[in-house]
């Protein structure tokens, strides 16, 4: 039997935090291992508990959710952070993506969305809900291109297209009949060539630049 996905819930509002924990209660294959009410506590609890997934409120007292995300991922790069946003959080979401967040959810999302997002990012996927992504696409500022830009290979373009659809490395591996490590190598090369720091930024870049369709969750 597979071990449950270990989740840390971070939100400074007690009722919201407990509500999210209640949403996840009894979910198959998911275990809330801890909670945090501010950024400093989030960093400390992530270090202590080493969760696979962190649901991170971005508007926290003291250290912001974006700063906490950056600090956690510098120390625990294998952790998947999903940003939790309110009704008007595009600025914070974009900053969180640039800090390494692997996805984002509105706090008003359904229980099913929360469960699917957690399971998806735990497998290495990028969670890109269409209703938020469409707003972010117009706000994404491309980074300066390398002096001698290296074009993506045909296979890298194919992998990027699947990353842009939110597919995990494992699913891409099965779809293309290549090894997981080969997918990771392709993704690493794609990030370097595009000048982005993570697969969410790569997906946003592809969606905006290539006009790829956005599949809503």
N, C-alpha and C. Protein backbone atom coordinates (compact mmCIF):
# COMPACT_ATOMS: atom_id res chain seq x y z
N UNK A 1 0.84 -1.20 0.00
CA UNK A 1 0.00 0.00 0.00
C UNK A 1 0.88 1.24 0.00
N UNK A 2 0.58 2.22 -0.86
CA UNK A 2 1.36 3.43 -0.93
C UNK A 2 1.14 4.30 0.29
N UNK A 3 2.20 5.02 0.70
CA UNK A 3 2.07 5.93 1.83
C UNK A 3 1.24 7.14 1.42
N UNK A 4 0.48 7.71 2.36
CA UNK A 4 -0.33 8.88 2.01
C UNK A 4 0.55 10.09 1.70
N UNK A 5 0.01 11.01 0.93
CA UNK A 5 0.70 12.26 0.62
C UNK A 5 0.66 13.14 1.86
N UNK A 6 1.80 13.56 2.33
CA UNK A 6 1.90 14.35 3.55
C UNK A 6 1.73 15.84 3.21
N UNK A 7 0.77 16.48 3.86
CA UNK A 7 0.41 17.86 3.52
C UNK A 7 0.53 18.77 4.73
N UNK A 8 1.10 19.94 4.50
CA UNK A 8 1.16 21.01 5.50
C UNK A 8 0.23 22.13 5.04
N UNK A 9 -0.65 22.58 5.92
CA UNK A 9 -1.62 23.64 5.59
C UNK A 9 -1.18 24.93 6.28
N UNK A 10 -1.01 26.00 5.49
CA UNK A 10 -0.55 27.29 6.03
C UNK A 10 -1.57 28.38 5.73
N UNK A 11 -2.13 28.98 6.77
CA UNK A 11 -3.05 30.10 6.63
C UNK A 11 -3.15 30.79 7.98
N UNK A 12 -3.14 32.13 7.97
CA UNK A 12 -3.15 32.84 9.24
C UNK A 12 -4.55 32.95 9.85
N UNK A 13 -5.59 32.68 9.05
CA UNK A 13 -6.95 32.71 9.58
C UNK A 13 -7.31 31.33 10.11
N UNK A 14 -7.55 31.25 11.41
CA UNK A 14 -7.80 29.96 12.06
C UNK A 14 -8.96 29.22 11.41
N UNK A 15 -10.06 29.92 11.16
CA UNK A 15 -11.24 29.27 10.61
C UNK A 15 -10.96 28.73 9.21
N UNK A 16 -10.26 29.52 8.38
CA UNK A 16 -9.92 29.08 7.04
C UNK A 16 -9.00 27.87 7.09
N UNK A 17 -8.00 27.95 7.95
CA UNK A 17 -7.05 26.84 8.06
C UNK A 17 -7.74 25.55 8.48
N UNK A 18 -8.60 25.66 9.48
CA UNK A 18 -9.32 24.48 9.94
C UNK A 18 -10.31 24.00 8.88
N UNK A 19 -10.85 24.95 8.10
CA UNK A 19 -11.76 24.56 7.03
C UNK A 19 -11.06 23.74 5.97
N UNK A 20 -9.83 24.18 5.59
CA UNK A 20 -9.07 23.43 4.60
C UNK A 20 -8.72 22.04 5.14
N UNK A 21 -8.33 21.99 6.40
CA UNK A 21 -8.02 20.68 7.02
C UNK A 21 -9.25 19.78 7.00
N UNK A 22 -10.41 20.38 7.27
CA UNK A 22 -11.66 19.60 7.24
C UNK A 22 -11.96 19.09 5.84
N UNK A 23 -11.65 19.93 4.82
CA UNK A 23 -11.86 19.50 3.44
C UNK A 23 -11.03 18.26 3.10
N UNK A 24 -9.85 18.20 3.70
CA UNK A 24 -8.93 17.11 3.38
C UNK A 24 -9.12 15.90 4.27
N UNK A 25 -9.88 16.06 5.35
CA UNK A 25 -10.08 14.97 6.31
C UNK A 25 -10.73 13.77 5.62
N UNK A 26 -10.21 12.61 5.95
CA UNK A 26 -10.74 11.35 5.45
C UNK A 26 -10.51 11.14 3.95
N UNK A 27 -9.79 12.05 3.29
CA UNK A 27 -9.50 11.86 1.87
C UNK A 27 -8.53 10.69 1.70
N UNK A 28 -8.83 9.85 0.75
CA UNK A 28 -7.99 8.68 0.52
C UNK A 28 -6.61 9.10 0.02
N UNK A 29 -5.58 8.60 0.70
CA UNK A 29 -4.22 8.83 0.25
C UNK A 29 -3.65 10.19 0.58
N UNK A 30 -4.32 10.98 1.43
CA UNK A 30 -3.84 12.30 1.82
C UNK A 30 -3.86 12.41 3.34
N UNK A 31 -2.79 12.93 3.91
CA UNK A 31 -2.68 13.07 5.36
C UNK A 31 -2.17 14.45 5.71
N UNK A 32 -2.96 15.23 6.45
CA UNK A 32 -2.49 16.53 6.95
C UNK A 32 -1.58 16.26 8.14
N UNK A 33 -0.31 16.61 7.99
CA UNK A 33 0.66 16.32 9.04
C UNK A 33 0.94 17.53 9.93
N UNK A 34 0.48 18.72 9.50
CA UNK A 34 0.74 19.89 10.31
C UNK A 34 0.04 21.12 9.78
N UNK A 35 0.05 22.17 10.61
CA UNK A 35 -0.54 23.46 10.26
C UNK A 35 0.42 24.56 10.67
N UNK A 36 0.28 25.71 10.03
CA UNK A 36 1.07 26.88 10.40
C UNK A 36 0.23 28.12 10.17
N UNK A 37 0.43 29.13 11.05
CA UNK A 37 -0.37 30.34 10.97
C UNK A 37 0.37 31.56 10.48
N UNK A 38 1.68 31.44 10.21
CA UNK A 38 2.44 32.56 9.66
C UNK A 38 3.63 32.02 8.89
N UNK A 39 4.34 32.91 8.22
CA UNK A 39 5.44 32.48 7.37
C UNK A 39 6.58 31.83 8.11
N UNK A 40 6.98 32.40 9.24
CA UNK A 40 8.08 31.82 10.00
C UNK A 40 7.75 30.42 10.48
N UNK A 41 6.51 30.25 10.97
CA UNK A 41 6.10 28.94 11.42
C UNK A 41 6.03 27.96 10.26
N UNK A 42 5.62 28.44 9.08
CA UNK A 42 5.56 27.58 7.90
C UNK A 42 6.93 27.03 7.55
N UNK A 43 7.94 27.91 7.58
CA UNK A 43 9.31 27.47 7.27
C UNK A 43 9.78 26.45 8.31
N UNK A 44 9.52 26.73 9.59
CA UNK A 44 9.95 25.83 10.67
C UNK A 44 9.26 24.48 10.57
N UNK A 45 7.94 24.50 10.31
CA UNK A 45 7.19 23.25 10.24
C UNK A 45 7.56 22.46 8.99
N UNK A 46 7.84 23.13 7.90
CA UNK A 46 8.28 22.43 6.69
C UNK A 46 9.61 21.74 6.95
N UNK A 47 10.50 22.43 7.63
CA UNK A 47 11.80 21.85 7.96
C UNK A 47 11.64 20.64 8.88
N UNK A 48 10.73 20.76 9.85
CA UNK A 48 10.54 19.68 10.83
C UNK A 48 9.78 18.50 10.25
N UNK A 49 8.73 18.77 9.48
CA UNK A 49 7.83 17.71 9.03
C UNK A 49 8.16 17.16 7.65
N UNK A 50 8.85 17.97 6.84
CA UNK A 50 9.21 17.59 5.47
C UNK A 50 7.99 17.03 4.70
N UNK A 51 6.96 17.86 4.56
CA UNK A 51 5.77 17.41 3.82
C UNK A 51 6.07 17.32 2.33
N UNK A 52 5.27 16.53 1.63
CA UNK A 52 5.40 16.45 0.18
C UNK A 52 4.73 17.65 -0.50
N UNK A 53 3.63 18.12 0.09
CA UNK A 53 2.86 19.23 -0.48
C UNK A 53 2.56 20.25 0.61
N UNK A 54 2.68 21.52 0.29
CA UNK A 54 2.30 22.60 1.19
C UNK A 54 1.24 23.46 0.51
N UNK A 55 0.11 23.64 1.19
CA UNK A 55 -0.90 24.59 0.74
C UNK A 55 -0.58 25.90 1.43
N UNK A 56 -0.16 26.89 0.67
CA UNK A 56 0.43 28.11 1.22
C UNK A 56 -0.42 29.35 0.95
N UNK A 57 -1.02 29.89 2.00
CA UNK A 57 -1.66 31.19 1.88
C UNK A 57 -0.57 32.21 1.58
N UNK A 58 -0.83 33.14 0.67
CA UNK A 58 0.21 34.07 0.26
C UNK A 58 0.24 35.35 1.09
N UNK A 59 -0.85 35.67 1.74
CA UNK A 59 -0.91 36.89 2.55
C UNK A 59 -0.84 36.53 4.03
N UNK A 60 0.40 36.44 4.50
CA UNK A 60 0.66 36.04 5.87
C UNK A 60 1.30 37.18 6.64
N UNK A 61 1.10 37.22 7.95
CA UNK A 61 1.78 38.24 8.75
C UNK A 61 3.27 37.93 8.85
N UNK A 62 4.09 38.96 8.98
CA UNK A 62 5.53 38.76 9.07
C UNK A 62 6.08 38.36 7.72
N UNK A 63 6.69 37.20 7.65
CA UNK A 63 7.21 36.69 6.38
C UNK A 63 6.03 36.33 5.49
N UNK A 64 5.99 36.85 4.29
CA UNK A 64 4.88 36.57 3.38
C UNK A 64 4.92 35.13 2.90
N UNK A 65 3.80 34.69 2.33
CA UNK A 65 3.75 33.35 1.77
C UNK A 65 4.74 33.17 0.64
N UNK A 66 4.97 34.22 -0.15
CA UNK A 66 5.95 34.15 -1.24
C UNK A 66 7.35 33.96 -0.68
N UNK A 67 7.71 34.75 0.33
CA UNK A 67 9.04 34.64 0.94
C UNK A 67 9.21 33.28 1.61
N UNK A 68 8.15 32.80 2.27
CA UNK A 68 8.21 31.49 2.91
C UNK A 68 8.38 30.39 1.86
N UNK A 69 7.68 30.52 0.74
CA UNK A 69 7.82 29.55 -0.35
C UNK A 69 9.25 29.50 -0.85
N UNK A 70 9.83 30.68 -1.07
CA UNK A 70 11.21 30.73 -1.56
C UNK A 70 12.17 30.10 -0.57
N UNK A 71 12.01 30.41 0.71
CA UNK A 71 12.91 29.88 1.74
C UNK A 71 12.78 28.36 1.85
N UNK A 72 11.55 27.87 1.81
CA UNK A 72 11.32 26.43 1.92
C UNK A 72 11.92 25.68 0.75
N UNK A 73 11.70 26.19 -0.46
CA UNK A 73 12.17 25.48 -1.65
C UNK A 73 13.68 25.55 -1.81
N UNK A 74 14.30 26.56 -1.24
CA UNK A 74 15.77 26.60 -1.26
C UNK A 74 16.34 25.45 -0.43
N UNK A 75 15.64 25.10 0.65
CA UNK A 75 16.11 24.04 1.55
C UNK A 75 15.52 22.68 1.19
N UNK A 76 14.27 22.69 0.72
CA UNK A 76 13.57 21.44 0.42
C UNK A 76 13.01 21.51 -1.01
N UNK A 77 13.87 21.41 -2.01
CA UNK A 77 13.44 21.63 -3.41
C UNK A 77 12.45 20.59 -3.92
N UNK A 78 12.36 19.45 -3.28
CA UNK A 78 11.44 18.41 -3.74
C UNK A 78 10.01 18.65 -3.25
N UNK A 79 9.82 19.61 -2.35
CA UNK A 79 8.49 19.91 -1.84
C UNK A 79 7.69 20.65 -2.90
N UNK A 80 6.42 20.30 -3.03
CA UNK A 80 5.53 20.98 -3.97
C UNK A 80 4.67 21.98 -3.20
N UNK A 81 4.74 23.25 -3.58
CA UNK A 81 3.95 24.30 -2.94
C UNK A 81 2.81 24.69 -3.85
N UNK A 82 1.60 24.70 -3.29
CA UNK A 82 0.42 25.18 -4.01
C UNK A 82 -0.03 26.46 -3.33
N UNK A 83 -0.04 27.57 -4.07
CA UNK A 83 -0.43 28.86 -3.52
C UNK A 83 -1.95 28.92 -3.36
N UNK A 84 -2.39 29.42 -2.21
CA UNK A 84 -3.81 29.64 -1.97
C UNK A 84 -4.10 31.13 -2.13
N UNK A 85 -5.07 31.46 -2.94
CA UNK A 85 -5.33 32.87 -3.23
C UNK A 85 -6.76 33.25 -2.92
N UNK A 86 -6.93 34.54 -2.61
CA UNK A 86 -8.26 35.10 -2.45
C UNK A 86 -8.78 35.56 -3.79
N UNK A 87 -9.77 36.43 -3.75
CA UNK A 87 -10.43 36.87 -4.99
C UNK A 87 -9.51 37.71 -5.86
N UNK A 88 -8.57 38.45 -5.26
CA UNK A 88 -7.74 39.37 -6.06
C UNK A 88 -6.28 39.15 -5.72
N UNK A 89 -5.74 37.98 -6.09
CA UNK A 89 -4.38 37.66 -5.71
C UNK A 89 -3.43 37.45 -6.86
N UNK A 90 -3.68 38.06 -8.03
CA UNK A 90 -2.84 37.77 -9.18
C UNK A 90 -1.38 38.16 -8.97
N UNK A 91 -1.15 39.33 -8.35
CA UNK A 91 0.23 39.77 -8.12
C UNK A 91 0.98 38.76 -7.26
N UNK A 92 0.33 38.34 -6.17
CA UNK A 92 0.97 37.38 -5.28
C UNK A 92 1.16 36.03 -5.96
N UNK A 93 0.19 35.61 -6.76
CA UNK A 93 0.31 34.33 -7.44
C UNK A 93 1.50 34.33 -8.38
N UNK A 94 1.64 35.38 -9.17
CA UNK A 94 2.76 35.46 -10.10
C UNK A 94 4.09 35.46 -9.35
N UNK A 95 4.15 36.18 -8.24
CA UNK A 95 5.36 36.18 -7.42
C UNK A 95 5.63 34.79 -6.86
N UNK A 96 4.56 34.08 -6.46
CA UNK A 96 4.73 32.73 -5.92
C UNK A 96 5.24 31.78 -6.99
N UNK A 97 4.72 31.91 -8.21
CA UNK A 97 5.19 31.08 -9.32
C UNK A 97 6.68 31.34 -9.56
N UNK A 98 7.07 32.60 -9.55
CA UNK A 98 8.48 32.94 -9.74
C UNK A 98 9.34 32.43 -8.60
N UNK A 99 8.74 32.28 -7.41
CA UNK A 99 9.46 31.74 -6.26
C UNK A 99 9.53 30.22 -6.28
N UNK A 100 8.77 29.60 -7.19
CA UNK A 100 8.84 28.15 -7.33
C UNK A 100 7.57 27.38 -7.03
N UNK A 101 6.47 28.07 -6.74
CA UNK A 101 5.21 27.37 -6.48
C UNK A 101 4.83 26.53 -7.69
N UNK A 102 4.30 25.36 -7.43
CA UNK A 102 4.01 24.42 -8.50
C UNK A 102 2.56 24.50 -8.97
N UNK A 103 1.79 25.35 -8.33
CA UNK A 103 0.40 25.51 -8.75
C UNK A 103 -0.29 26.51 -7.86
N UNK A 104 -1.57 26.73 -8.12
CA UNK A 104 -2.31 27.68 -7.31
C UNK A 104 -3.79 27.34 -7.33
N UNK A 105 -4.44 27.65 -6.22
CA UNK A 105 -5.86 27.35 -6.03
C UNK A 105 -6.54 28.56 -5.41
N UNK A 106 -7.75 28.84 -5.84
CA UNK A 106 -8.56 29.84 -5.14
C UNK A 106 -9.07 29.19 -3.85
N UNK A 107 -9.17 29.99 -2.80
CA UNK A 107 -9.66 29.45 -1.54
C UNK A 107 -11.11 28.98 -1.64
N UNK A 108 -11.81 29.46 -2.65
CA UNK A 108 -13.20 29.06 -2.86
C UNK A 108 -13.32 27.78 -3.71
N UNK A 109 -12.19 27.17 -4.05
CA UNK A 109 -12.22 25.95 -4.86
C UNK A 109 -12.96 24.83 -4.14
N UNK A 110 -13.46 23.91 -4.91
CA UNK A 110 -14.19 22.77 -4.34
C UNK A 110 -13.23 21.80 -3.67
N UNK A 111 -13.78 20.93 -2.84
CA UNK A 111 -12.98 19.89 -2.19
C UNK A 111 -12.30 19.03 -3.26
N UNK A 112 -13.02 18.73 -4.32
CA UNK A 112 -12.45 17.90 -5.38
C UNK A 112 -11.24 18.57 -6.02
N UNK A 113 -11.32 19.89 -6.22
CA UNK A 113 -10.17 20.62 -6.77
C UNK A 113 -8.97 20.53 -5.84
N UNK A 114 -9.21 20.71 -4.53
CA UNK A 114 -8.11 20.61 -3.57
C UNK A 114 -7.46 19.23 -3.63
N UNK A 115 -8.27 18.19 -3.64
CA UNK A 115 -7.74 16.83 -3.64
C UNK A 115 -6.98 16.55 -4.92
N UNK A 116 -7.54 16.94 -6.06
CA UNK A 116 -6.87 16.69 -7.34
C UNK A 116 -5.57 17.46 -7.45
N UNK A 117 -5.58 18.73 -6.98
CA UNK A 117 -4.37 19.54 -7.04
C UNK A 117 -3.25 18.91 -6.21
N UNK A 118 -3.58 18.48 -5.00
CA UNK A 118 -2.58 17.86 -4.12
C UNK A 118 -2.00 16.61 -4.77
N UNK A 119 -2.86 15.77 -5.28
CA UNK A 119 -2.39 14.52 -5.90
C UNK A 119 -1.56 14.79 -7.14
N UNK A 120 -1.96 15.83 -7.89
CA UNK A 120 -1.27 16.14 -9.15
C UNK A 120 0.13 16.67 -8.90
N UNK A 121 0.25 17.66 -8.02
CA UNK A 121 1.58 18.24 -7.79
C UNK A 121 2.49 17.27 -7.06
N UNK A 122 1.91 16.37 -6.25
CA UNK A 122 2.72 15.36 -5.56
C UNK A 122 3.39 14.42 -6.57
N UNK A 123 2.79 14.29 -7.76
CA UNK A 123 3.37 13.46 -8.82
C UNK A 123 4.28 14.26 -9.75
N UNK A 124 4.47 15.53 -9.43
CA UNK A 124 5.37 16.35 -10.24
C UNK A 124 4.69 17.22 -11.26
N UNK A 125 3.35 17.24 -11.27
CA UNK A 125 2.62 18.05 -12.23
C UNK A 125 2.49 19.49 -11.80
N UNK A 126 2.11 20.34 -12.75
CA UNK A 126 1.83 21.75 -12.48
C UNK A 126 0.32 21.95 -12.51
N UNK A 127 -0.24 22.50 -11.44
CA UNK A 127 -1.69 22.69 -11.36
C UNK A 127 -2.02 24.10 -11.83
N UNK A 128 -2.64 24.21 -13.00
CA UNK A 128 -2.91 25.50 -13.62
C UNK A 128 -4.40 25.65 -13.92
N UNK A 129 -5.20 26.00 -12.94
CA UNK A 129 -6.63 26.21 -13.20
C UNK A 129 -6.83 27.31 -14.24
N UNK A 130 -7.64 27.03 -15.25
CA UNK A 130 -7.80 27.96 -16.37
C UNK A 130 -8.32 29.31 -15.93
N UNK A 131 -9.21 29.34 -14.94
CA UNK A 131 -9.82 30.61 -14.55
C UNK A 131 -8.81 31.60 -13.98
N UNK A 132 -7.70 31.08 -13.42
CA UNK A 132 -6.65 31.96 -12.91
C UNK A 132 -5.59 32.16 -13.97
N UNK A 133 -5.26 31.10 -14.69
CA UNK A 133 -4.19 31.16 -15.69
C UNK A 133 -4.47 32.21 -16.75
N UNK A 134 -5.70 32.30 -17.23
CA UNK A 134 -6.01 33.26 -18.28
C UNK A 134 -5.68 34.68 -17.85
N UNK A 135 -5.89 34.98 -16.56
CA UNK A 135 -5.59 36.32 -16.07
C UNK A 135 -4.09 36.53 -15.93
N UNK A 136 -3.37 35.45 -15.59
CA UNK A 136 -1.93 35.58 -15.40
C UNK A 136 -1.16 35.70 -16.72
N UNK A 137 -1.70 35.11 -17.78
CA UNK A 137 -0.98 35.11 -19.06
C UNK A 137 -0.65 36.51 -19.53
N UNK A 138 -1.55 37.44 -19.30
CA UNK A 138 -1.32 38.81 -19.76
C UNK A 138 -0.36 39.56 -18.86
N UNK A 139 -0.03 38.97 -17.70
CA UNK A 139 0.82 39.65 -16.73
C UNK A 139 2.24 39.10 -16.71
N UNK A 140 2.45 37.99 -17.39
CA UNK A 140 3.76 37.35 -17.36
C UNK A 140 4.74 38.13 -18.22
N UNK A 141 5.79 38.62 -17.62
CA UNK A 141 6.81 39.39 -18.34
C UNK A 141 7.96 38.46 -18.70
N UNK A 142 8.23 38.28 -19.98
CA UNK A 142 9.32 37.39 -20.37
C UNK A 142 10.67 37.91 -19.90
N UNK A 143 11.53 36.99 -19.52
CA UNK A 143 12.87 37.38 -19.09
C UNK A 143 13.74 37.61 -20.33
N UNK A 144 14.83 38.38 -20.18
CA UNK A 144 15.70 38.62 -21.33
C UNK A 144 16.19 37.31 -21.93
N UNK A 145 16.14 37.22 -23.24
CA UNK A 145 16.58 35.99 -23.91
C UNK A 145 18.10 35.90 -23.86
N UNK A 146 18.64 34.67 -23.88
CA UNK A 146 20.11 34.52 -23.92
C UNK A 146 20.66 35.21 -25.17
N UNK A 147 21.93 35.60 -25.10
CA UNK A 147 22.55 36.28 -26.23
C UNK A 147 22.53 35.40 -27.47
N UNK A 148 22.75 34.11 -27.27
CA UNK A 148 22.68 33.17 -28.39
C UNK A 148 21.61 32.14 -28.02
N UNK A 149 20.33 32.45 -28.29
CA UNK A 149 19.27 31.54 -27.88
C UNK A 149 19.36 30.20 -28.59
N UNK A 150 19.15 29.15 -27.83
CA UNK A 150 19.19 27.81 -28.39
C UNK A 150 17.76 27.33 -28.58
N UNK A 151 17.36 26.99 -29.80
CA UNK A 151 15.96 26.59 -30.03
C UNK A 151 15.65 25.26 -29.37
N UNK A 152 14.39 25.07 -29.03
CA UNK A 152 13.95 23.79 -28.49
C UNK A 152 13.96 22.75 -29.60
N UNK A 153 14.32 21.54 -29.24
CA UNK A 153 14.25 20.43 -30.20
C UNK A 153 12.79 20.02 -30.38
N UNK A 154 12.54 19.20 -31.38
CA UNK A 154 11.18 18.73 -31.61
C UNK A 154 10.62 18.00 -30.40
N UNK A 155 11.44 17.17 -29.77
CA UNK A 155 10.99 16.43 -28.59
C UNK A 155 10.73 17.37 -27.43
N UNK A 156 11.59 18.39 -27.27
CA UNK A 156 11.38 19.35 -26.19
C UNK A 156 10.09 20.15 -26.38
N UNK A 157 9.78 20.49 -27.62
CA UNK A 157 8.53 21.19 -27.90
C UNK A 157 7.35 20.29 -27.54
N UNK A 158 7.48 19.01 -27.84
CA UNK A 158 6.43 18.05 -27.52
C UNK A 158 6.24 17.95 -26.00
N UNK A 159 7.35 17.85 -25.28
CA UNK A 159 7.29 17.77 -23.81
C UNK A 159 6.71 19.05 -23.23
N UNK A 160 7.14 20.20 -23.75
CA UNK A 160 6.65 21.47 -23.26
C UNK A 160 5.13 21.58 -23.45
N UNK A 161 4.64 21.10 -24.57
CA UNK A 161 3.20 21.13 -24.80
C UNK A 161 2.44 20.35 -23.74
N UNK A 162 2.99 19.22 -23.32
CA UNK A 162 2.34 18.41 -22.29
C UNK A 162 2.49 19.05 -20.91
N UNK A 163 3.65 19.67 -20.66
CA UNK A 163 3.82 20.41 -19.41
C UNK A 163 2.78 21.53 -19.33
N UNK A 164 2.55 22.20 -20.45
CA UNK A 164 1.59 23.31 -20.49
C UNK A 164 0.17 22.83 -20.23
N UNK A 165 -0.09 21.55 -20.45
CA UNK A 165 -1.40 20.99 -20.16
C UNK A 165 -1.50 20.53 -18.71
N UNK A 166 -0.42 20.72 -17.94
CA UNK A 166 -0.42 20.35 -16.54
C UNK A 166 -0.06 18.91 -16.27
N UNK A 167 0.49 18.22 -17.26
CA UNK A 167 0.80 16.81 -17.09
C UNK A 167 2.02 16.62 -16.20
N UNK A 168 2.01 15.56 -15.40
CA UNK A 168 3.14 15.22 -14.56
C UNK A 168 4.21 14.52 -15.39
N UNK A 169 5.43 14.44 -14.84
CA UNK A 169 6.51 13.74 -15.53
C UNK A 169 6.13 12.29 -15.81
N UNK A 170 5.48 11.65 -14.84
CA UNK A 170 5.11 10.25 -14.99
C UNK A 170 4.14 10.06 -16.16
N UNK A 171 3.16 10.96 -16.26
CA UNK A 171 2.19 10.83 -17.35
C UNK A 171 2.84 11.11 -18.69
N UNK A 172 3.75 12.11 -18.74
CA UNK A 172 4.46 12.40 -19.98
C UNK A 172 5.31 11.19 -20.38
N UNK A 173 5.94 10.57 -19.40
CA UNK A 173 6.77 9.39 -19.65
C UNK A 173 5.95 8.29 -20.30
N UNK A 174 4.74 8.04 -19.76
CA UNK A 174 3.88 7.00 -20.33
C UNK A 174 3.40 7.38 -21.73
N UNK A 175 3.01 8.65 -21.90
CA UNK A 175 2.47 9.10 -23.18
C UNK A 175 3.50 8.99 -24.29
N UNK A 176 4.76 9.36 -23.98
CA UNK A 176 5.79 9.39 -25.01
C UNK A 176 6.65 8.13 -25.04
N UNK A 177 6.36 7.21 -24.10
CA UNK A 177 7.11 5.94 -24.02
C UNK A 177 8.61 6.18 -23.84
N UNK A 178 8.92 7.09 -22.91
CA UNK A 178 10.31 7.35 -22.55
C UNK A 178 10.45 7.28 -21.04
N UNK A 179 11.68 7.14 -20.56
CA UNK A 179 11.92 6.99 -19.14
C UNK A 179 11.66 8.29 -18.37
N UNK A 180 11.29 8.15 -17.09
CA UNK A 180 11.07 9.33 -16.25
C UNK A 180 12.29 10.24 -16.24
N UNK A 181 13.48 9.65 -16.14
CA UNK A 181 14.69 10.46 -16.07
C UNK A 181 14.91 11.23 -17.37
N UNK A 182 14.47 10.66 -18.48
CA UNK A 182 14.58 11.36 -19.76
C UNK A 182 13.65 12.56 -19.79
N UNK A 183 12.45 12.39 -19.24
CA UNK A 183 11.50 13.51 -19.16
C UNK A 183 12.10 14.62 -18.30
N UNK A 184 12.67 14.25 -17.15
CA UNK A 184 13.26 15.26 -16.27
C UNK A 184 14.39 16.01 -16.97
N UNK A 185 15.18 15.28 -17.77
CA UNK A 185 16.27 15.92 -18.52
C UNK A 185 15.71 16.90 -19.54
N UNK A 186 14.67 16.48 -20.26
CA UNK A 186 14.06 17.39 -21.24
C UNK A 186 13.52 18.64 -20.55
N UNK A 187 12.84 18.46 -19.42
CA UNK A 187 12.27 19.61 -18.70
C UNK A 187 13.37 20.55 -18.25
N UNK A 188 14.47 19.99 -17.75
CA UNK A 188 15.60 20.81 -17.32
C UNK A 188 16.16 21.63 -18.47
N UNK A 189 16.31 21.00 -19.64
CA UNK A 189 16.81 21.71 -20.81
C UNK A 189 15.84 22.80 -21.26
N UNK A 190 14.54 22.50 -21.18
CA UNK A 190 13.51 23.48 -21.57
C UNK A 190 13.59 24.71 -20.67
N UNK A 191 13.70 24.49 -19.36
CA UNK A 191 13.77 25.62 -18.43
C UNK A 191 14.97 26.50 -18.74
N UNK A 192 16.11 25.86 -19.01
CA UNK A 192 17.32 26.62 -19.31
C UNK A 192 17.19 27.42 -20.59
N UNK A 193 16.63 26.81 -21.62
CA UNK A 193 16.52 27.49 -22.90
C UNK A 193 15.50 28.64 -22.86
N UNK A 194 14.44 28.46 -22.07
CA UNK A 194 13.42 29.51 -21.98
C UNK A 194 13.79 30.59 -20.98
N UNK A 195 14.79 30.32 -20.15
CA UNK A 195 15.19 31.29 -19.14
C UNK A 195 14.18 31.42 -18.02
N UNK A 196 13.49 30.31 -17.67
CA UNK A 196 12.53 30.32 -16.57
C UNK A 196 13.02 29.38 -15.49
N UNK A 197 12.44 29.53 -14.29
CA UNK A 197 12.97 28.79 -13.15
C UNK A 197 12.19 27.54 -12.78
N UNK A 198 10.98 27.37 -13.31
CA UNK A 198 10.20 26.19 -12.94
C UNK A 198 9.19 25.86 -14.03
N UNK A 199 8.55 24.70 -13.89
CA UNK A 199 7.66 24.21 -14.95
C UNK A 199 6.38 25.02 -15.06
N UNK A 200 5.95 25.67 -13.98
CA UNK A 200 4.76 26.51 -14.07
C UNK A 200 5.04 27.72 -14.95
N UNK A 201 6.19 28.36 -14.75
CA UNK A 201 6.57 29.47 -15.63
C UNK A 201 6.73 29.00 -17.07
N UNK A 202 7.30 27.81 -17.25
CA UNK A 202 7.45 27.27 -18.60
C UNK A 202 6.09 27.06 -19.25
N UNK A 203 5.14 26.54 -18.47
CA UNK A 203 3.80 26.30 -19.00
C UNK A 203 3.13 27.62 -19.37
N UNK A 204 3.25 28.62 -18.52
CA UNK A 204 2.66 29.92 -18.82
C UNK A 204 3.31 30.53 -20.07
N UNK A 205 4.62 30.37 -20.18
CA UNK A 205 5.34 30.88 -21.36
C UNK A 205 4.81 30.21 -22.62
N UNK A 206 4.62 28.89 -22.56
CA UNK A 206 4.15 28.16 -23.73
C UNK A 206 2.72 28.55 -24.08
N UNK A 207 1.88 28.68 -23.07
CA UNK A 207 0.48 29.02 -23.32
C UNK A 207 0.35 30.39 -23.96
N UNK A 208 1.17 31.33 -23.51
CA UNK A 208 1.09 32.67 -24.07
C UNK A 208 1.75 32.77 -25.43
N UNK A 209 2.94 32.20 -25.55
CA UNK A 209 3.73 32.37 -26.77
C UNK A 209 3.20 31.54 -27.94
N UNK A 210 2.71 30.34 -27.64
CA UNK A 210 2.33 29.44 -28.71
C UNK A 210 0.83 29.36 -28.92
N UNK A 211 0.07 30.03 -28.03
CA UNK A 211 -1.37 30.02 -28.20
C UNK A 211 -1.99 28.67 -27.93
N UNK A 212 -1.34 27.86 -27.09
CA UNK A 212 -1.87 26.53 -26.78
C UNK A 212 -3.14 26.69 -25.97
N UNK A 213 -4.05 25.75 -26.14
CA UNK A 213 -5.29 25.79 -25.37
C UNK A 213 -5.05 25.52 -23.90
N UNK A 214 -5.88 26.07 -23.05
CA UNK A 214 -5.78 25.86 -21.61
C UNK A 214 -6.90 24.92 -21.21
N UNK A 215 -6.53 23.80 -20.63
CA UNK A 215 -7.56 22.88 -20.19
C UNK A 215 -7.97 23.25 -18.78
N UNK A 216 -9.24 23.59 -18.59
CA UNK A 216 -9.72 23.97 -17.27
C UNK A 216 -9.91 22.76 -16.39
N UNK A 217 -9.63 22.92 -15.08
CA UNK A 217 -9.81 21.82 -14.14
C UNK A 217 -11.16 21.93 -13.47
